[in-house]
Amino acid sequence: MIVKESRIKTRSGHQAVSRHVLSGPKNEAIRILSGSDYLLKDWMKEARRENIRYGLRHIAFNPSEHMSDGQLTHFANQICRELGADPERLTLVIHQKDGGTHGHLLLPEWQEDHVLSSKFTLQRLEKIARLEELRLGHDFVSGRHDKAIAKALREAGNPEAADRIAALGVWSRGLMGWIDDESFWL
């Protein structure tokens, strides 16, 4: 699963991300599993009140294999747990496009008494994606931080997942080395 993150500045407002996520015209179907435009607007107001630079966290994810709404919701809740977000305060939207689905998770940066963690979030989001792929039996999607993820999982006492992810990194680096070899192109 590919996961990307962006932070929406408070001064930018919620309108652009709301239009994209809640009514993007290029999508065949849009399913709002949780949240609303009103909540996005309200969360931006909270961020302004607290004088926070960023008001919303937008996390887009694209699974390589089909996931049910329940599985997508579980994945969103895992992200909330990892970042220290309240899973009751989220907007989760699923887009259908070109026969596949992808999701958008929007979270308020201000979480009632703290700001969402932003430390190493890309690595942490990739870790959650690899663990979800493992849990669901999906093929792994290689990411930029597979080696670091494997190390963190090993340190956290999850050697099986660490070994599988480490093997993924070795395979992809080995393939790239093979393709870069001049004899491959001759």
N, C-alpha and C. Protein backbone atom coordinates (compact mmCIF):
# COMPACT_ATOMS: atom_id res chain seq x y z
N MET A 1 0.84 -1.16 0.00
CA MET A 1 0.00 0.00 0.00
C MET A 1 0.89 1.24 0.00
N ILE A 2 0.58 2.14 -0.86
CA ILE A 2 1.30 3.40 -0.92
C ILE A 2 0.58 4.39 -0.02
N VAL A 3 1.36 5.09 0.82
CA VAL A 3 0.79 6.06 1.76
C VAL A 3 1.54 7.38 1.58
N LYS A 4 0.78 8.47 1.46
CA LYS A 4 1.37 9.80 1.35
C LYS A 4 0.69 10.71 2.37
N GLU A 5 1.44 11.71 2.80
CA GLU A 5 0.93 12.62 3.81
C GLU A 5 1.20 14.05 3.41
N SER A 6 0.26 14.92 3.72
CA SER A 6 0.49 16.35 3.58
C SER A 6 -0.19 17.05 4.75
N ARG A 7 0.34 18.21 5.07
CA ARG A 7 -0.22 19.01 6.16
C ARG A 7 -0.81 20.27 5.55
N ILE A 8 -2.02 20.59 5.93
CA ILE A 8 -2.72 21.74 5.36
C ILE A 8 -2.56 22.92 6.32
N LYS A 9 -1.99 24.00 5.81
CA LYS A 9 -1.76 25.17 6.65
C LYS A 9 -3.08 25.81 7.05
N THR A 10 -3.08 26.30 8.26
CA THR A 10 -4.28 26.93 8.81
C THR A 10 -4.70 28.12 7.96
N ARG A 11 -3.74 28.91 7.52
CA ARG A 11 -4.10 30.10 6.73
C ARG A 11 -4.66 29.74 5.36
N SER A 12 -4.42 28.52 4.88
CA SER A 12 -4.94 28.09 3.57
C SER A 12 -6.42 27.74 3.63
N GLY A 13 -6.90 27.39 4.81
CA GLY A 13 -8.29 26.99 4.95
C GLY A 13 -8.51 25.54 4.53
N HIS A 14 -9.74 25.11 4.67
CA HIS A 14 -10.07 23.70 4.40
C HIS A 14 -10.71 23.49 3.03
N GLN A 15 -11.06 24.56 2.33
CA GLN A 15 -11.89 24.45 1.14
C GLN A 15 -11.26 23.60 0.03
N ALA A 16 -10.00 23.80 -0.29
CA ALA A 16 -9.38 23.07 -1.40
C ALA A 16 -9.33 21.57 -1.12
N VAL A 17 -8.89 21.20 0.07
CA VAL A 17 -8.81 19.77 0.38
C VAL A 17 -10.21 19.18 0.50
N SER A 18 -11.15 19.94 0.99
CA SER A 18 -12.52 19.47 1.09
C SER A 18 -13.11 19.20 -0.30
N ARG A 19 -12.89 20.13 -1.24
CA ARG A 19 -13.38 19.92 -2.61
C ARG A 19 -12.76 18.67 -3.22
N HIS A 20 -11.45 18.52 -3.04
CA HIS A 20 -10.75 17.37 -3.62
C HIS A 20 -11.25 16.05 -3.03
N VAL A 21 -11.36 16.00 -1.73
CA VAL A 21 -11.69 14.74 -1.06
C VAL A 21 -13.19 14.44 -1.09
N LEU A 22 -14.02 15.43 -0.86
CA LEU A 22 -15.45 15.17 -0.72
C LEU A 22 -16.23 15.26 -2.03
N SER A 23 -15.65 15.89 -3.05
CA SER A 23 -16.42 16.01 -4.30
C SER A 23 -15.54 16.01 -5.54
N GLY A 24 -14.40 15.35 -5.48
CA GLY A 24 -13.50 15.31 -6.63
C GLY A 24 -14.20 14.80 -7.88
N PRO A 25 -14.32 15.62 -8.94
CA PRO A 25 -15.10 15.24 -10.12
C PRO A 25 -14.49 14.10 -10.95
N LYS A 26 -13.23 13.79 -10.77
CA LYS A 26 -12.60 12.74 -11.57
C LYS A 26 -12.86 11.34 -11.03
N ASN A 27 -13.59 11.23 -9.95
CA ASN A 27 -13.85 9.93 -9.33
C ASN A 27 -15.17 9.36 -9.83
N GLU A 28 -15.19 8.04 -9.98
CA GLU A 28 -16.43 7.36 -10.38
C GLU A 28 -17.42 7.33 -9.22
N ALA A 29 -16.90 7.18 -8.01
CA ALA A 29 -17.75 7.15 -6.82
C ALA A 29 -16.96 7.67 -5.62
N ILE A 30 -17.68 8.29 -4.70
CA ILE A 30 -17.09 8.79 -3.46
C ILE A 30 -17.96 8.29 -2.32
N ARG A 31 -17.31 7.58 -1.37
CA ARG A 31 -18.04 7.09 -0.19
C ARG A 31 -17.44 7.76 1.05
N ILE A 32 -18.26 8.48 1.76
CA ILE A 32 -17.83 9.12 3.00
C ILE A 32 -18.14 8.16 4.13
N LEU A 33 -17.10 7.54 4.69
CA LEU A 33 -17.30 6.58 5.77
C LEU A 33 -17.43 7.28 7.12
N SER A 34 -16.83 8.45 7.23
CA SER A 34 -16.87 9.18 8.49
C SER A 34 -16.49 10.63 8.22
N GLY A 35 -17.11 11.54 8.97
CA GLY A 35 -16.73 12.95 8.89
C GLY A 35 -17.55 13.74 7.90
N SER A 36 -17.13 15.03 7.73
CA SER A 36 -17.89 15.94 6.88
C SER A 36 -17.08 17.20 6.61
N ASP A 37 -17.59 18.00 5.68
CA ASP A 37 -17.00 19.30 5.40
C ASP A 37 -17.08 20.19 6.64
N TYR A 38 -18.19 20.11 7.35
CA TYR A 38 -18.36 20.92 8.55
C TYR A 38 -17.26 20.64 9.57
N LEU A 39 -16.93 19.36 9.76
CA LEU A 39 -15.87 19.02 10.72
C LEU A 39 -14.52 19.57 10.27
N LEU A 40 -14.22 19.49 8.98
CA LEU A 40 -12.95 20.03 8.48
C LEU A 40 -12.87 21.53 8.77
N LYS A 41 -13.97 22.23 8.52
CA LYS A 41 -14.03 23.67 8.78
C LYS A 41 -13.85 23.96 10.28
N ASP A 42 -14.51 23.18 11.10
CA ASP A 42 -14.42 23.35 12.55
C ASP A 42 -13.01 23.08 13.06
N TRP A 43 -12.37 22.05 12.52
CA TRP A 43 -11.00 21.74 12.96
C TRP A 43 -10.03 22.85 12.58
N MET A 44 -10.26 23.48 11.43
CA MET A 44 -9.42 24.62 11.05
C MET A 44 -9.63 25.78 12.02
N LYS A 45 -10.87 26.00 12.43
CA LYS A 45 -11.17 27.07 13.41
C LYS A 45 -10.44 26.79 14.72
N GLU A 46 -10.45 25.53 15.15
CA GLU A 46 -9.73 25.17 16.38
C GLU A 46 -8.25 25.48 16.26
N ALA A 47 -7.67 25.12 15.12
CA ALA A 47 -6.24 25.36 14.91
C ALA A 47 -5.92 26.86 14.94
N ARG A 48 -6.79 27.66 14.32
CA ARG A 48 -6.59 29.12 14.35
C ARG A 48 -6.67 29.63 15.79
N ARG A 49 -7.66 29.14 16.53
CA ARG A 49 -7.84 29.56 17.92
C ARG A 49 -6.60 29.22 18.75
N GLU A 50 -6.00 28.06 18.48
CA GLU A 50 -4.83 27.62 19.24
C GLU A 50 -3.53 28.18 18.66
N ASN A 51 -3.66 28.96 17.57
CA ASN A 51 -2.50 29.57 16.90
C ASN A 51 -1.49 28.53 16.41
N ILE A 52 -2.02 27.51 15.74
CA ILE A 52 -1.20 26.42 15.21
C ILE A 52 -1.00 26.64 13.72
N ARG A 53 0.20 26.39 13.24
CA ARG A 53 0.54 26.63 11.83
C ARG A 53 -0.26 25.72 10.89
N TYR A 54 -0.41 24.45 11.24
CA TYR A 54 -1.13 23.50 10.39
C TYR A 54 -2.45 23.13 11.06
N GLY A 55 -3.51 23.07 10.26
CA GLY A 55 -4.82 22.76 10.80
C GLY A 55 -5.27 21.34 10.55
N LEU A 56 -4.88 20.78 9.40
CA LEU A 56 -5.33 19.44 9.03
C LEU A 56 -4.16 18.59 8.57
N ARG A 57 -4.27 17.32 8.81
CA ARG A 57 -3.33 16.32 8.28
C ARG A 57 -4.10 15.50 7.26
N HIS A 58 -3.61 15.44 6.03
CA HIS A 58 -4.25 14.68 4.96
C HIS A 58 -3.35 13.48 4.63
N ILE A 59 -3.89 12.30 4.84
CA ILE A 59 -3.15 11.07 4.56
C ILE A 59 -3.91 10.32 3.47
N ALA A 60 -3.26 10.18 2.32
CA ALA A 60 -3.86 9.45 1.20
C ALA A 60 -3.22 8.08 1.14
N PHE A 61 -4.02 7.05 0.88
CA PHE A 61 -3.46 5.71 0.80
C PHE A 61 -4.11 4.96 -0.35
N ASN A 62 -3.27 4.16 -1.01
CA ASN A 62 -3.70 3.45 -2.20
C ASN A 62 -3.31 1.98 -2.06
N PRO A 63 -4.25 1.13 -1.64
CA PRO A 63 -3.93 -0.29 -1.49
C PRO A 63 -3.77 -0.96 -2.86
N SER A 64 -2.83 -1.88 -2.94
CA SER A 64 -2.61 -2.58 -4.20
C SER A 64 -3.63 -3.69 -4.42
N GLU A 65 -4.31 -4.09 -3.36
CA GLU A 65 -5.34 -5.13 -3.45
C GLU A 65 -6.61 -4.61 -2.79
N HIS A 66 -7.73 -5.23 -3.12
CA HIS A 66 -9.02 -4.80 -2.58
C HIS A 66 -9.03 -4.87 -1.05
N MET A 67 -9.61 -3.84 -0.46
CA MET A 67 -9.85 -3.81 0.99
C MET A 67 -11.30 -3.42 1.21
N SER A 68 -11.95 -4.09 2.14
CA SER A 68 -13.33 -3.77 2.48
C SER A 68 -13.36 -2.45 3.27
N ASP A 69 -14.56 -1.89 3.41
CA ASP A 69 -14.69 -0.67 4.21
C ASP A 69 -14.24 -0.90 5.65
N GLY A 70 -14.53 -2.07 6.18
CA GLY A 70 -14.09 -2.39 7.54
C GLY A 70 -12.57 -2.45 7.64
N GLN A 71 -11.90 -3.02 6.64
CA GLN A 71 -10.44 -3.09 6.64
C GLN A 71 -9.84 -1.69 6.49
N LEU A 72 -10.45 -0.86 5.65
CA LEU A 72 -9.97 0.51 5.47
C LEU A 72 -10.14 1.30 6.77
N THR A 73 -11.25 1.10 7.44
CA THR A 73 -11.49 1.77 8.72
C THR A 73 -10.47 1.31 9.77
N HIS A 74 -10.18 0.01 9.79
CA HIS A 74 -9.17 -0.51 10.71
C HIS A 74 -7.81 0.13 10.44
N PHE A 75 -7.45 0.24 9.17
CA PHE A 75 -6.18 0.86 8.79
C PHE A 75 -6.15 2.32 9.26
N ALA A 76 -7.24 3.05 9.06
CA ALA A 76 -7.31 4.45 9.50
C ALA A 76 -7.15 4.54 11.02
N ASN A 77 -7.77 3.62 11.75
CA ASN A 77 -7.64 3.62 13.21
C ASN A 77 -6.21 3.31 13.64
N GLN A 78 -5.51 2.44 12.90
CA GLN A 78 -4.10 2.15 13.21
C GLN A 78 -3.25 3.40 13.02
N ILE A 79 -3.55 4.17 11.98
CA ILE A 79 -2.83 5.42 11.75
C ILE A 79 -3.09 6.38 12.92
N CYS A 80 -4.34 6.49 13.32
CA CYS A 80 -4.68 7.36 14.46
C CYS A 80 -3.89 6.96 15.70
N ARG A 81 -3.86 5.67 15.97
CA ARG A 81 -3.12 5.19 17.15
C ARG A 81 -1.64 5.56 17.06
N GLU A 82 -1.07 5.37 15.88
CA GLU A 82 0.36 5.65 15.69
C GLU A 82 0.68 7.13 15.87
N LEU A 83 -0.19 8.00 15.39
CA LEU A 83 0.08 9.45 15.44
C LEU A 83 -0.45 10.13 16.70
N GLY A 84 -1.16 9.39 17.53
CA GLY A 84 -1.73 9.98 18.73
C GLY A 84 -2.99 10.79 18.46
N ALA A 85 -3.77 10.35 17.48
CA ALA A 85 -5.01 11.04 17.11
C ALA A 85 -6.21 10.31 17.71
N ASP A 86 -7.24 11.05 17.99
CA ASP A 86 -8.49 10.49 18.48
C ASP A 86 -9.24 9.87 17.30
N PRO A 87 -9.47 8.55 17.29
CA PRO A 87 -10.14 7.91 16.15
C PRO A 87 -11.61 8.33 16.00
N GLU A 88 -12.15 9.03 16.99
CA GLU A 88 -13.52 9.55 16.89
C GLU A 88 -13.56 10.87 16.13
N ARG A 89 -12.37 11.46 15.91
CA ARG A 89 -12.28 12.76 15.23
C ARG A 89 -11.51 12.60 13.94
N LEU A 90 -12.19 12.04 12.94
CA LEU A 90 -11.55 11.87 11.65
C LEU A 90 -12.56 11.98 10.53
N THR A 91 -12.06 12.27 9.36
CA THR A 91 -12.87 12.19 8.15
C THR A 91 -12.20 11.15 7.27
N LEU A 92 -12.97 10.13 6.90
CA LEU A 92 -12.45 9.03 6.10
C LEU A 92 -13.31 8.90 4.85
N VAL A 93 -12.68 9.05 3.70
CA VAL A 93 -13.39 9.04 2.42
C VAL A 93 -12.70 8.07 1.47
N ILE A 94 -13.51 7.27 0.78
CA ILE A 94 -12.99 6.30 -0.18
C ILE A 94 -13.40 6.75 -1.59
N HIS A 95 -12.43 6.83 -2.49
CA HIS A 95 -12.68 7.17 -3.88
C HIS A 95 -12.55 5.93 -4.74
N GLN A 96 -13.44 5.79 -5.69
CA GLN A 96 -13.32 4.75 -6.70
C GLN A 96 -12.96 5.44 -8.01
N LYS A 97 -11.90 4.92 -8.63
CA LYS A 97 -11.40 5.55 -9.85
C LYS A 97 -10.71 4.48 -10.69
N ASP A 98 -11.03 4.42 -11.95
CA ASP A 98 -10.42 3.46 -12.87
C ASP A 98 -10.51 2.03 -12.34
N GLY A 99 -11.61 1.68 -11.72
CA GLY A 99 -11.83 0.32 -11.24
C GLY A 99 -11.20 0.00 -9.90
N GLY A 100 -10.36 0.88 -9.37
CA GLY A 100 -9.71 0.64 -8.08
C GLY A 100 -10.19 1.65 -7.05
N THR A 101 -9.78 1.44 -5.82
CA THR A 101 -10.15 2.37 -4.75
C THR A 101 -8.91 2.89 -4.06
N HIS A 102 -9.02 4.09 -3.55
CA HIS A 102 -8.00 4.67 -2.68
C HIS A 102 -8.71 5.50 -1.62
N GLY A 103 -8.01 5.77 -0.54
CA GLY A 103 -8.64 6.44 0.59
C GLY A 103 -7.97 7.74 0.95
N HIS A 104 -8.75 8.56 1.64
CA HIS A 104 -8.27 9.84 2.17
C HIS A 104 -8.68 9.91 3.64
N LEU A 105 -7.71 10.09 4.49
CA LEU A 105 -7.94 10.26 5.91
C LEU A 105 -7.53 11.68 6.27
N LEU A 106 -8.45 12.42 6.84
CA LEU A 106 -8.17 13.77 7.30
C LEU A 106 -8.32 13.83 8.81
N LEU A 107 -7.30 14.39 9.45
CA LEU A 107 -7.28 14.48 10.91
C LEU A 107 -7.03 15.92 11.32
N PRO A 108 -7.62 16.35 12.41
CA PRO A 108 -7.28 17.68 12.92
C PRO A 108 -5.89 17.64 13.56
N GLU A 109 -5.07 18.63 13.25
CA GLU A 109 -3.75 18.70 13.88
C GLU A 109 -3.89 18.93 15.39
N TRP A 110 -4.89 19.73 15.78
CA TRP A 110 -5.11 19.98 17.20
C TRP A 110 -6.02 18.90 17.75
N GLN A 111 -5.54 18.16 18.74
CA GLN A 111 -6.24 17.01 19.30
C GLN A 111 -6.72 17.27 20.73
N GLU A 112 -7.47 18.34 20.91
CA GLU A 112 -8.04 18.72 22.21
C GLU A 112 -7.00 19.19 23.23
N ASP A 113 -5.87 18.47 23.34
CA ASP A 113 -4.87 18.87 24.34
C ASP A 113 -3.43 18.75 23.83
N HIS A 114 -3.27 18.39 22.56
CA HIS A 114 -1.93 18.29 21.98
C HIS A 114 -2.02 18.38 20.45
N VAL A 115 -0.87 18.61 19.85
CA VAL A 115 -0.77 18.64 18.39
C VAL A 115 -0.34 17.24 17.94
N LEU A 116 -0.85 16.80 16.80
CA LEU A 116 -0.46 15.48 16.26
C LEU A 116 1.05 15.37 16.13
N SER A 117 1.55 14.20 16.38
CA SER A 117 2.96 13.93 16.20
C SER A 117 3.32 14.05 14.72
N SER A 118 4.43 14.72 14.44
CA SER A 118 4.89 14.84 13.06
C SER A 118 6.31 14.31 12.89
N LYS A 119 6.80 13.61 13.89
CA LYS A 119 8.16 13.10 13.87
C LYS A 119 8.23 11.80 13.06
N PHE A 120 9.01 11.78 12.00
CA PHE A 120 9.23 10.61 11.15
C PHE A 120 7.91 10.00 10.67
N THR A 121 6.94 10.84 10.32
CA THR A 121 5.62 10.30 10.00
C THR A 121 5.62 9.44 8.74
N LEU A 122 6.40 9.79 7.73
CA LEU A 122 6.39 8.96 6.52
C LEU A 122 6.85 7.54 6.83
N GLN A 123 7.92 7.40 7.60
CA GLN A 123 8.39 6.08 7.98
C GLN A 123 7.35 5.34 8.82
N ARG A 124 6.72 6.06 9.72
CA ARG A 124 5.71 5.43 10.58
C ARG A 124 4.49 5.01 9.78
N LEU A 125 4.09 5.82 8.82
CA LEU A 125 2.95 5.45 7.98
C LEU A 125 3.28 4.24 7.10
N GLU A 126 4.49 4.20 6.57
CA GLU A 126 4.91 3.03 5.79
C GLU A 126 4.92 1.78 6.65
N LYS A 127 5.35 1.92 7.91
CA LYS A 127 5.35 0.77 8.82
C LYS A 127 3.93 0.24 9.02
N ILE A 128 2.99 1.13 9.27
CA ILE A 128 1.60 0.73 9.45
C ILE A 128 1.09 0.04 8.18
N ALA A 129 1.45 0.58 7.01
CA ALA A 129 1.01 -0.02 5.74
C ALA A 129 1.58 -1.43 5.58
N ARG A 130 2.87 -1.63 5.89
CA ARG A 130 3.48 -2.97 5.77
C ARG A 130 2.81 -3.94 6.74
N LEU A 131 2.55 -3.49 7.97
CA LEU A 131 1.90 -4.37 8.95
C LEU A 131 0.49 -4.74 8.51
N GLU A 132 -0.21 -3.80 7.90
CA GLU A 132 -1.56 -4.08 7.41
C GLU A 132 -1.51 -5.07 6.24
N GLU A 133 -0.54 -4.90 5.35
CA GLU A 133 -0.36 -5.85 4.24
C GLU A 133 -0.08 -7.25 4.79
N LEU A 134 0.75 -7.31 5.82
CA LEU A 134 1.06 -8.59 6.45
C LEU A 134 -0.19 -9.20 7.09
N ARG A 135 -0.94 -8.39 7.82
CA ARG A 135 -2.14 -8.87 8.50
C ARG A 135 -3.17 -9.40 7.52
N LEU A 136 -3.31 -8.73 6.37
CA LEU A 136 -4.32 -9.12 5.38
C LEU A 136 -3.82 -10.16 4.38
N GLY A 137 -2.53 -10.48 4.43
CA GLY A 137 -1.98 -11.43 3.47
C GLY A 137 -1.79 -10.85 2.08
N HIS A 138 -1.71 -9.53 1.99
CA HIS A 138 -1.47 -8.87 0.71
C HIS A 138 0.01 -8.89 0.36
N ASP A 139 0.31 -8.74 -0.92
CA ASP A 139 1.70 -8.59 -1.33
C ASP A 139 2.23 -7.27 -0.78
N PHE A 140 3.49 -7.27 -0.38
CA PHE A 140 4.11 -6.05 0.12
C PHE A 140 4.38 -5.10 -1.04
N VAL A 141 4.20 -3.82 -0.78
CA VAL A 141 4.59 -2.77 -1.70
C VAL A 141 5.87 -2.17 -1.12
N SER A 142 6.95 -2.28 -1.85
CA SER A 142 8.22 -1.79 -1.35
C SER A 142 8.17 -0.28 -1.17
N GLY A 143 8.73 0.18 -0.06
CA GLY A 143 8.77 1.61 0.23
C GLY A 143 10.20 2.07 0.42
N ARG A 144 10.36 3.36 0.56
CA ARG A 144 11.70 3.94 0.71
C ARG A 144 12.35 3.59 2.04
N HIS A 145 11.55 3.21 3.04
CA HIS A 145 12.08 3.06 4.39
C HIS A 145 11.99 1.62 4.90
N ASP A 146 12.02 0.64 4.00
CA ASP A 146 11.86 -0.76 4.40
C ASP A 146 12.93 -1.19 5.41
N LYS A 147 14.16 -0.78 5.19
CA LYS A 147 15.24 -1.18 6.10
C LYS A 147 15.02 -0.62 7.50
N ALA A 148 14.65 0.65 7.60
CA ALA A 148 14.39 1.28 8.90
C ALA A 148 13.16 0.65 9.57
N ILE A 149 12.15 0.33 8.77
CA ILE A 149 10.94 -0.29 9.30
C ILE A 149 11.26 -1.66 9.88
N ALA A 150 12.05 -2.44 9.13
CA ALA A 150 12.43 -3.77 9.61
C ALA A 150 13.20 -3.66 10.93
N LYS A 151 14.10 -2.70 11.02
CA LYS A 151 14.88 -2.51 12.26
C LYS A 151 13.95 -2.15 13.42
N ALA A 152 13.02 -1.22 13.18
CA ALA A 152 12.09 -0.80 14.25
C ALA A 152 11.21 -1.96 14.69
N LEU A 153 10.74 -2.77 13.75
CA LEU A 153 9.90 -3.92 14.11
C LEU A 153 10.69 -4.96 14.90
N ARG A 154 11.93 -5.16 14.53
CA ARG A 154 12.77 -6.11 15.26
C ARG A 154 12.97 -5.63 16.70
N GLU A 155 13.24 -4.33 16.86
CA GLU A 155 13.43 -3.77 18.20
C GLU A 155 12.14 -3.81 19.02
N ALA A 156 11.00 -3.77 18.34
CA ALA A 156 9.71 -3.80 19.03
C ALA A 156 9.26 -5.23 19.34
N GLY A 157 10.10 -6.22 18.99
CA GLY A 157 9.78 -7.61 19.30
C GLY A 157 8.90 -8.30 18.27
N ASN A 158 8.96 -7.85 17.03
CA ASN A 158 8.19 -8.47 15.95
C ASN A 158 9.15 -8.96 14.86
N PRO A 159 9.98 -10.00 15.18
CA PRO A 159 11.01 -10.43 14.23
C PRO A 159 10.45 -11.04 12.94
N GLU A 160 9.28 -11.69 13.01
CA GLU A 160 8.71 -12.30 11.80
C GLU A 160 8.40 -11.22 10.75
N ALA A 161 7.70 -10.18 11.18
CA ALA A 161 7.38 -9.08 10.26
C ALA A 161 8.66 -8.39 9.80
N ALA A 162 9.61 -8.21 10.72
CA ALA A 162 10.88 -7.56 10.36
C ALA A 162 11.61 -8.35 9.29
N ASP A 163 11.66 -9.67 9.42
CA ASP A 163 12.35 -10.51 8.44
C ASP A 163 11.68 -10.43 7.07
N ARG A 164 10.36 -10.44 7.04
CA ARG A 164 9.64 -10.37 5.76
C ARG A 164 9.88 -9.03 5.07
N ILE A 165 9.86 -7.96 5.84
CA ILE A 165 10.07 -6.63 5.26
C ILE A 165 11.52 -6.45 4.86
N ALA A 166 12.45 -6.96 5.67
CA ALA A 166 13.87 -6.88 5.31
C ALA A 166 14.14 -7.64 4.02
N ALA A 167 13.50 -8.79 3.84
CA ALA A 167 13.68 -9.56 2.60
C ALA A 167 13.14 -8.79 1.41
N LEU A 168 12.08 -8.05 1.59
CA LEU A 168 11.53 -7.23 0.52
C LEU A 168 12.55 -6.20 0.07
N GLY A 169 13.20 -5.55 1.02
CA GLY A 169 14.21 -4.55 0.70
C GLY A 169 15.39 -5.15 -0.03
N VAL A 170 15.82 -6.34 0.40
CA VAL A 170 16.95 -7.01 -0.26
C VAL A 170 16.58 -7.36 -1.68
N TRP A 171 15.37 -7.88 -1.88
CA TRP A 171 14.94 -8.26 -3.22
C TRP A 171 14.92 -7.05 -4.15
N SER A 172 14.32 -5.94 -3.69
CA SER A 172 14.20 -4.79 -4.57
C SER A 172 15.56 -4.16 -4.85
N ARG A 173 16.47 -4.12 -3.85
CA ARG A 173 17.81 -3.60 -4.10
C ARG A 173 18.57 -4.52 -5.03
N GLY A 174 18.38 -5.82 -4.87
CA GLY A 174 19.05 -6.77 -5.75
C GLY A 174 18.57 -6.64 -7.18
N LEU A 175 17.29 -6.47 -7.38
CA LEU A 175 16.73 -6.30 -8.72
C LEU A 175 17.27 -5.04 -9.36
N MET A 176 17.32 -3.94 -8.61
CA MET A 176 17.80 -2.69 -9.17
C MET A 176 19.28 -2.81 -9.54
N GLY A 177 20.05 -3.50 -8.71
CA GLY A 177 21.45 -3.71 -9.05
C GLY A 177 21.60 -4.53 -10.31
N TRP A 178 20.73 -5.52 -10.48
CA TRP A 178 20.78 -6.37 -11.66
C TRP A 178 20.42 -5.56 -12.90
N ILE A 179 19.41 -4.71 -12.81
CA ILE A 179 19.01 -3.90 -13.95
C ILE A 179 20.08 -2.87 -14.28
N ASP A 180 20.77 -2.36 -13.27
CA ASP A 180 21.83 -1.38 -13.51
C ASP A 180 23.08 -2.01 -14.12
N ASP A 181 23.20 -3.33 -14.02
CA ASP A 181 24.35 -4.03 -14.58
C ASP A 181 24.33 -3.90 -16.10
N GLU A 182 25.46 -3.46 -16.68
CA GLU A 182 25.54 -3.23 -18.14
C GLU A 182 25.21 -4.49 -18.93
N SER A 183 25.54 -5.67 -18.43
CA SER A 183 25.30 -6.89 -19.18
C SER A 183 23.80 -7.16 -19.36
N PHE A 184 22.97 -6.60 -18.49
CA PHE A 184 21.52 -6.79 -18.61
C PHE A 184 21.02 -6.16 -19.91
N TRP A 185 21.62 -5.04 -20.31
CA TRP A 185 21.13 -4.29 -21.46
C TRP A 185 21.75 -4.75 -22.78
N LEU A 186 22.74 -5.62 -22.73
CA LEU A 186 23.42 -6.07 -23.96
C LEU A 186 22.70 -7.22 -24.62
